[in-house]
Amino acid sequence: MATQQDIKRRIRSVKNTEKITKAMELVAASRLRRAQARIEALRPYADRMRQLTVEVAAASGSVYDQPLLERRDEIKTVAVIAVSGDRGLAGAFNANIVRRSLEIAREHRSQGRDLRWLTIGRRGSSTLRFRGQQIEQAYTGFTDRPQYANARAIAARVAELYAEGEVDLVTMVFNRFQSALSQQVEVIDLLPVPEEVVQDDEEYRPIEGAYLEEPDSPAAILGRLLPAYLEVTIYRALLESTASEHGARMTAMRNASDNANTLIDQLTLRMNRARQAEITQEILEVVAGADALE
């Protein structure tokens, strides 16, 4: 049976851990608020970008001569972009991305397709390598606070792979932020750019007024808008993933702090019982000694 000193040392250790988890929870909560603010600021721009793309595509007439819209007759190679975090201690945040990415890989390989992996975040990259996957390119070091330049670099790479015919489909897997307690794994096709992006949609009202294209034609302008749309889509996914990571970490650290408090209460009860047992034993020894003297 553990002594009082052993239990006291354990309580001190758990209390120190609880302080760390509480501090990490507060840091994650602060970063989550900033990440949410960035998403809210981006959404109007992203919506207007899609709206503008729809309008220019309608003005240009034929849109399928654009490289990023070209549909391949046969899909032979698929690029999967797995968006995870650089750090752990975020519950199942990273594990869910890896699990869903591997499911997608199995589905495509069962159809005889090749896979090319691009990863964002150290956790996803290291886990996929451990699972025997060959990572073509890993982007790390910015998942806590992604910048638009990061999205631009990723978009340029996947656009290059698709335009040169090295891949026939580009899919991104990321966590979409719903709330601090809920994140949903989402899978979207980046390339070819989905048809609904360049087709009129009731959800997007036409921008008032007419366009004056000068000096380029609508088709040339669309050719510039599509890469920008790709960048914004990736950037939005990065921000969603960042907010999801901070929310998942905040929840995980809160649960850890609650578990630490519960464990402290249990250990305190054990310590009190151990102290009572020692006091009872000492009383019995005193009484036995007094009886022996009589």
Protein backbone atom coordinates (compact mmCIF):
# COMPACT_ATOMS: atom_id res chain seq x y z
CA MET A 1 0.00 0.00 0.00
CA ALA A 2 1.31 3.48 -0.91
CA THR A 3 2.45 5.65 1.97
CA GLN A 4 1.36 9.23 2.62
CA GLN A 5 4.63 10.53 1.20
CA ASP A 6 4.19 8.54 -2.01
CA ILE A 7 0.68 9.86 -2.47
CA LYS A 8 1.76 13.44 -1.68
CA ARG A 9 4.47 13.22 -4.36
CA ARG A 10 1.90 11.92 -6.83
CA ILE A 11 -0.49 14.77 -6.00
CA ARG A 12 2.27 17.34 -6.53
CA SER A 13 3.11 15.77 -9.88
CA VAL A 14 -0.52 15.81 -11.03
CA LYS A 15 -0.95 19.41 -9.86
CA ASN A 16 2.09 20.45 -11.92
CA THR A 17 0.64 18.70 -14.95
CA GLU A 18 -2.72 20.39 -14.37
CA LYS A 19 -1.03 23.80 -14.38
CA ILE A 20 0.56 23.03 -17.74
CA THR A 21 -2.66 21.78 -19.33
CA LYS A 22 -4.58 24.79 -17.99
CA ALA A 23 -2.01 27.18 -19.45
CA MET A 24 -2.14 25.36 -22.81
CA GLU A 25 -5.93 25.58 -22.77
CA LEU A 26 -5.80 29.36 -22.27
CA VAL A 27 -3.21 29.78 -25.04
CA ALA A 28 -5.29 27.66 -27.43
CA ALA A 29 -8.42 29.67 -26.59
CA SER A 30 -6.61 32.92 -27.36
CA ARG A 31 -5.29 31.59 -30.68
CA LEU A 32 -8.71 30.21 -31.54
CA ARG A 33 -10.29 33.66 -31.23
CA ARG A 34 -7.69 35.10 -33.62
CA ALA A 35 -8.14 32.23 -36.06
CA GLN A 36 -11.91 32.70 -36.06
CA ALA A 37 -11.48 36.40 -36.75
CA ARG A 38 -9.26 35.61 -39.75
CA ILE A 39 -11.81 33.19 -41.18
CA GLU A 40 -14.63 35.72 -40.80
CA ALA A 41 -12.50 38.35 -42.53
CA LEU A 42 -11.68 36.01 -45.43
CA ARG A 43 -15.17 34.68 -46.13
CA PRO A 44 -16.53 37.83 -47.89
CA TYR A 45 -13.41 37.98 -50.08
CA ALA A 46 -13.63 34.27 -50.94
CA ASP A 47 -17.33 34.55 -51.76
CA ARG A 48 -16.74 37.59 -53.98
CA MET A 49 -13.86 35.80 -55.72
CA ARG A 50 -16.12 32.92 -56.65
CA GLN A 51 -18.87 35.32 -57.69
CA LEU A 52 -16.44 37.21 -59.92
CA THR A 53 -15.19 33.94 -61.44
CA VAL A 54 -18.75 32.93 -62.29
CA GLU A 55 -19.45 36.27 -63.95
CA VAL A 56 -16.24 36.34 -65.99
CA ALA A 57 -16.74 32.72 -67.05
CA ALA A 58 -20.22 33.59 -68.28
CA ALA A 59 -18.83 36.55 -70.24
CA SER A 60 -16.02 34.50 -71.79
CA GLY A 61 -18.36 31.90 -73.32
CA SER A 62 -16.12 28.82 -73.66
CA VAL A 63 -14.32 28.01 -70.43
CA TYR A 64 -13.06 24.47 -70.91
CA ASP A 65 -9.99 25.53 -72.84
CA GLN A 66 -8.52 26.68 -69.51
CA PRO A 67 -5.77 24.29 -68.24
CA LEU A 68 -7.14 24.19 -64.69
CA LEU A 69 -10.63 23.27 -65.98
CA GLU A 70 -9.55 20.53 -68.36
CA ARG A 71 -11.14 17.16 -67.56
CA ARG A 72 -9.03 14.07 -68.21
CA ASP A 73 -10.67 11.13 -69.96
CA GLU A 74 -8.93 8.74 -67.59
CA ILE A 75 -7.65 9.38 -64.08
CA LYS A 76 -4.34 7.59 -63.67
CA THR A 77 -2.61 9.60 -60.92
CA VAL A 78 -4.16 11.37 -57.94
CA ALA A 79 -2.48 13.94 -55.71
CA VAL A 80 -3.73 13.95 -52.11
CA ILE A 81 -3.05 16.98 -49.92
CA ALA A 82 -3.38 16.05 -46.24
CA VAL A 83 -3.68 19.11 -43.97
CA SER A 84 -2.64 18.35 -40.39
CA GLY A 85 -0.86 20.31 -37.67
CA ASP A 86 2.76 20.78 -36.68
CA ARG A 87 2.07 19.87 -33.05
CA GLY A 88 0.15 17.23 -31.15
CA LEU A 89 -1.87 17.32 -27.92
CA ALA A 90 -4.99 18.14 -29.93
CA GLY A 91 -7.09 15.03 -29.40
CA ALA A 92 -7.98 13.19 -32.59
CA PHE A 93 -7.38 16.23 -34.82
CA ASN A 94 -4.34 14.83 -36.65
CA ALA A 95 -5.37 11.17 -36.46
CA ASN A 96 -8.67 11.85 -38.23
CA ILE A 97 -6.88 13.49 -41.16
CA VAL A 98 -4.43 10.62 -41.53
CA ARG A 99 -7.19 8.02 -41.27
CA ARG A 100 -9.38 9.69 -43.91
CA SER A 101 -6.40 10.29 -46.22
CA LEU A 102 -5.41 6.63 -46.08
CA GLU A 103 -9.01 5.62 -46.82
CA ILE A 104 -8.95 7.81 -49.93
CA ALA A 105 -5.61 6.32 -50.94
CA ARG A 106 -6.98 2.79 -50.64
CA GLU A 107 -10.05 3.70 -52.71
CA HIS A 108 -7.95 5.09 -55.57
CA ARG A 109 -5.38 2.28 -55.47
CA SER A 110 -8.19 -0.26 -55.65
CA GLN A 111 -9.05 1.33 -59.01
CA GLY A 112 -5.46 1.01 -60.22
CA ARG A 113 -4.51 4.65 -59.73
CA ASP A 114 -1.18 5.96 -58.51
CA LEU A 115 -0.93 8.26 -55.47
CA ARG A 116 1.25 11.31 -54.94
CA TRP A 117 1.28 12.75 -51.44
CA LEU A 118 1.63 16.40 -50.49
CA THR A 119 1.37 17.03 -46.77
CA ILE A 120 0.88 20.14 -44.68
CA GLY A 121 1.98 19.85 -41.05
CA ARG A 122 4.66 17.74 -39.37
CA ARG A 123 2.24 15.36 -37.66
CA GLY A 124 0.55 14.16 -40.81
CA SER A 125 3.82 13.92 -42.69
CA SER A 126 5.58 11.85 -40.02
CA THR A 127 2.61 9.53 -39.51
CA LEU A 128 2.14 8.88 -43.22
CA ARG A 129 5.86 8.17 -43.61
CA PHE A 130 5.63 5.75 -40.69
CA ARG A 131 2.74 4.05 -42.52
CA GLY A 132 5.00 3.51 -45.51
CA GLN A 133 3.71 6.32 -47.75
CA GLN A 134 6.12 8.17 -50.02
CA ILE A 135 5.77 11.91 -49.39
CA GLU A 136 6.58 13.96 -52.46
CA GLN A 137 6.54 17.34 -50.73
CA ALA A 138 5.90 18.37 -47.12
CA TYR A 139 5.01 21.89 -46.03
CA THR A 140 5.68 22.56 -42.35
CA GLY A 141 6.24 25.34 -39.84
CA PHE A 142 3.19 27.54 -40.49
CA THR A 143 0.09 25.63 -39.40
CA ASP A 144 -0.31 27.74 -36.23
CA ARG A 145 -0.64 30.91 -38.30
CA PRO A 146 -0.73 30.29 -42.06
CA GLN A 147 -0.11 33.18 -44.43
CA TYR A 148 -1.44 33.75 -47.93
CA ALA A 149 2.07 33.21 -49.29
CA ASN A 150 1.92 29.62 -47.99
CA ALA A 151 -1.31 28.99 -49.88
CA ARG A 152 0.17 30.60 -53.01
CA ALA A 153 3.18 28.28 -52.93
CA ILE A 154 1.00 25.18 -52.51
CA ALA A 155 -1.39 26.32 -55.25
CA ALA A 156 1.49 26.95 -57.65
CA ARG A 157 2.85 23.46 -57.07
CA VAL A 158 -0.43 21.60 -57.57
CA ALA A 159 -1.32 23.75 -60.61
CA GLU A 160 2.06 22.88 -62.10
CA LEU A 161 1.54 19.16 -61.48
CA TYR A 162 -1.91 19.29 -63.07
CA ALA A 163 -1.03 21.49 -66.04
CA GLU A 164 1.96 19.30 -66.93
CA GLY A 165 -0.17 16.17 -66.80
CA GLU A 166 1.69 14.58 -63.90
CA VAL A 167 -1.58 14.21 -61.96
CA ASP A 168 -5.16 13.96 -63.18
CA LEU A 169 -6.96 14.83 -59.94
CA VAL A 170 -5.98 16.88 -56.87
CA THR A 171 -7.84 16.23 -53.62
CA MET A 172 -7.47 18.05 -50.31
CA VAL A 173 -8.32 16.61 -46.89
CA PHE A 174 -8.69 19.03 -43.98
CA ASN A 175 -10.69 19.73 -40.83
CA ARG A 176 -13.50 22.22 -41.30
CA PHE A 177 -14.12 24.33 -38.21
CA GLN A 178 -17.63 24.16 -36.82
CA SER A 179 -17.12 25.07 -33.17
CA ALA A 180 -14.52 24.73 -30.44
CA LEU A 181 -16.03 21.34 -29.63
CA SER A 182 -16.64 20.12 -33.17
CA GLN A 183 -14.44 19.76 -36.24
CA GLN A 184 -15.47 17.84 -39.34
CA VAL A 185 -13.09 16.18 -41.78
CA GLU A 186 -13.86 17.44 -45.27
CA VAL A 187 -12.62 16.25 -48.65
CA ILE A 188 -12.70 18.59 -51.65
CA ASP A 189 -11.44 18.29 -55.22
CA LEU A 190 -9.16 21.21 -56.06
CA LEU A 191 -8.26 20.32 -59.64
CA PRO A 192 -9.79 20.25 -62.07
CA VAL A 193 -11.66 23.26 -60.74
CA PRO A 194 -15.23 22.05 -60.09
CA GLU A 195 -17.78 23.00 -62.74
CA GLU A 196 -20.01 24.81 -60.26
CA VAL A 197 -17.27 27.39 -59.74
CA VAL A 198 -17.62 28.68 -63.30
CA GLN A 199 -21.34 28.14 -63.70
CA ASP A 200 -24.09 30.44 -62.53
CA ASP A 201 -25.54 29.49 -59.16
CA GLU A 202 -28.61 30.86 -57.42
CA GLU A 203 -26.55 31.19 -54.25
CA TYR A 204 -24.37 33.84 -55.90
CA ARG A 205 -26.18 36.87 -57.21
CA PRO A 206 -24.59 38.62 -60.19
CA ILE A 207 -22.51 41.66 -59.39
CA GLU A 208 -24.39 44.81 -60.33
CA GLY A 209 -23.11 46.68 -63.32
CA ALA A 210 -21.32 45.66 -66.48
CA TYR A 211 -17.70 44.61 -66.94
CA LEU A 212 -15.23 46.50 -69.04
CA GLU A 213 -12.36 44.19 -70.00
CA GLU A 214 -9.34 46.15 -71.01
CA PRO A 215 -6.96 45.31 -72.56
CA ASP A 216 -7.48 41.53 -72.09
CA SER A 217 -10.44 39.42 -73.14
CA PRO A 218 -12.73 37.70 -70.60
CA ALA A 219 -11.04 34.37 -71.37
CA ALA A 220 -7.62 35.82 -70.53
CA ILE A 221 -8.99 37.34 -67.33
CA LEU A 222 -10.52 33.98 -66.40
CA GLY A 223 -7.13 32.40 -66.91
CA ARG A 224 -5.79 34.71 -64.20
CA LEU A 225 -8.78 34.36 -61.92
CA LEU A 226 -8.68 30.56 -61.72
CA PRO A 227 -5.20 30.39 -60.10
CA ALA A 228 -6.29 33.13 -57.69
CA TYR A 229 -9.44 31.15 -56.89
CA LEU A 230 -7.26 28.08 -56.23
CA GLU A 231 -5.05 30.07 -53.87
CA VAL A 232 -8.01 31.46 -51.94
CA THR A 233 -9.59 28.00 -51.65
CA ILE A 234 -6.38 26.54 -50.22
CA TYR A 235 -5.89 29.51 -47.92
CA ARG A 236 -9.42 29.16 -46.61
CA ALA A 237 -8.81 25.45 -45.93
CA LEU A 238 -5.60 26.32 -44.05
CA LEU A 239 -7.47 28.81 -41.86
CA GLU A 240 -10.25 26.32 -41.23
CA SER A 241 -7.66 23.72 -40.23
CA THR A 242 -5.87 26.17 -37.93
CA ALA A 243 -9.06 27.12 -36.11
CA SER A 244 -9.99 23.45 -35.85
CA GLU A 245 -6.59 22.59 -34.39
CA HIS A 246 -6.78 25.31 -31.74
CA GLY A 247 -10.34 24.31 -30.88
CA ALA A 248 -9.39 20.64 -30.62
CA ARG A 249 -6.35 21.46 -28.47
CA MET A 250 -8.37 23.73 -26.19
CA THR A 251 -10.95 20.98 -25.68
CA ALA A 252 -8.30 18.31 -25.15
CA MET A 253 -6.44 20.42 -22.59
CA ARG A 254 -9.69 21.27 -20.80
CA ASN A 255 -10.51 17.55 -20.55
CA ALA A 256 -6.99 16.86 -19.34
CA SER A 257 -7.32 19.54 -16.63
CA ASP A 258 -10.67 18.11 -15.54
CA ASN A 259 -9.18 14.61 -15.39
CA ALA A 260 -6.25 15.95 -13.36
CA ASN A 261 -8.61 17.57 -10.86
CA THR A 262 -10.58 14.34 -10.56
CA LEU A 263 -7.37 12.39 -10.00
CA ILE A 264 -6.22 14.89 -7.37
CA ASP A 265 -9.49 14.43 -5.49
CA GLN A 266 -9.10 10.66 -5.61
CA LEU A 267 -5.50 10.80 -4.44
CA THR A 268 -6.41 13.23 -1.64
CA LEU A 269 -9.05 10.80 -0.44
CA ARG A 270 -6.52 7.95 -0.50
CA MET A 271 -4.02 10.08 1.39
CA ASN A 272 -6.59 10.92 4.07
CA ARG A 273 -7.49 7.25 4.42
CA ALA A 274 -3.82 6.34 4.68
CA ARG A 275 -3.32 8.99 7.36
CA GLN A 276 -6.32 7.75 9.28
CA ALA A 277 -5.01 4.20 9.04
CA GLU A 278 -1.64 5.27 10.41
CA ILE A 279 -3.27 7.18 13.28
CA THR A 280 -5.46 4.18 14.08
CA GLN A 281 -2.42 1.91 14.03
CA GLU A 282 -0.54 4.21 16.39
CA ILE A 283 -3.48 4.32 18.82
CA LEU A 284 -3.70 0.54 18.77
CA GLU A 285 0.00 0.28 19.48
CA VAL A 286 -0.31 2.72 22.42
CA VAL A 287 -3.28 0.81 23.84
CA ALA A 288 -1.48 -2.50 23.41
CA GLY A 289 1.56 -1.10 25.17
CA ALA A 290 -0.55 0.18 28.04
CA ASP A 291 -2.26 -3.21 28.42
CA ALA A 292 1.13 -4.91 28.47
CA LEU A 293 2.33 -2.67 31.32
CA GLU A 294 -0.71 -3.58 33.42
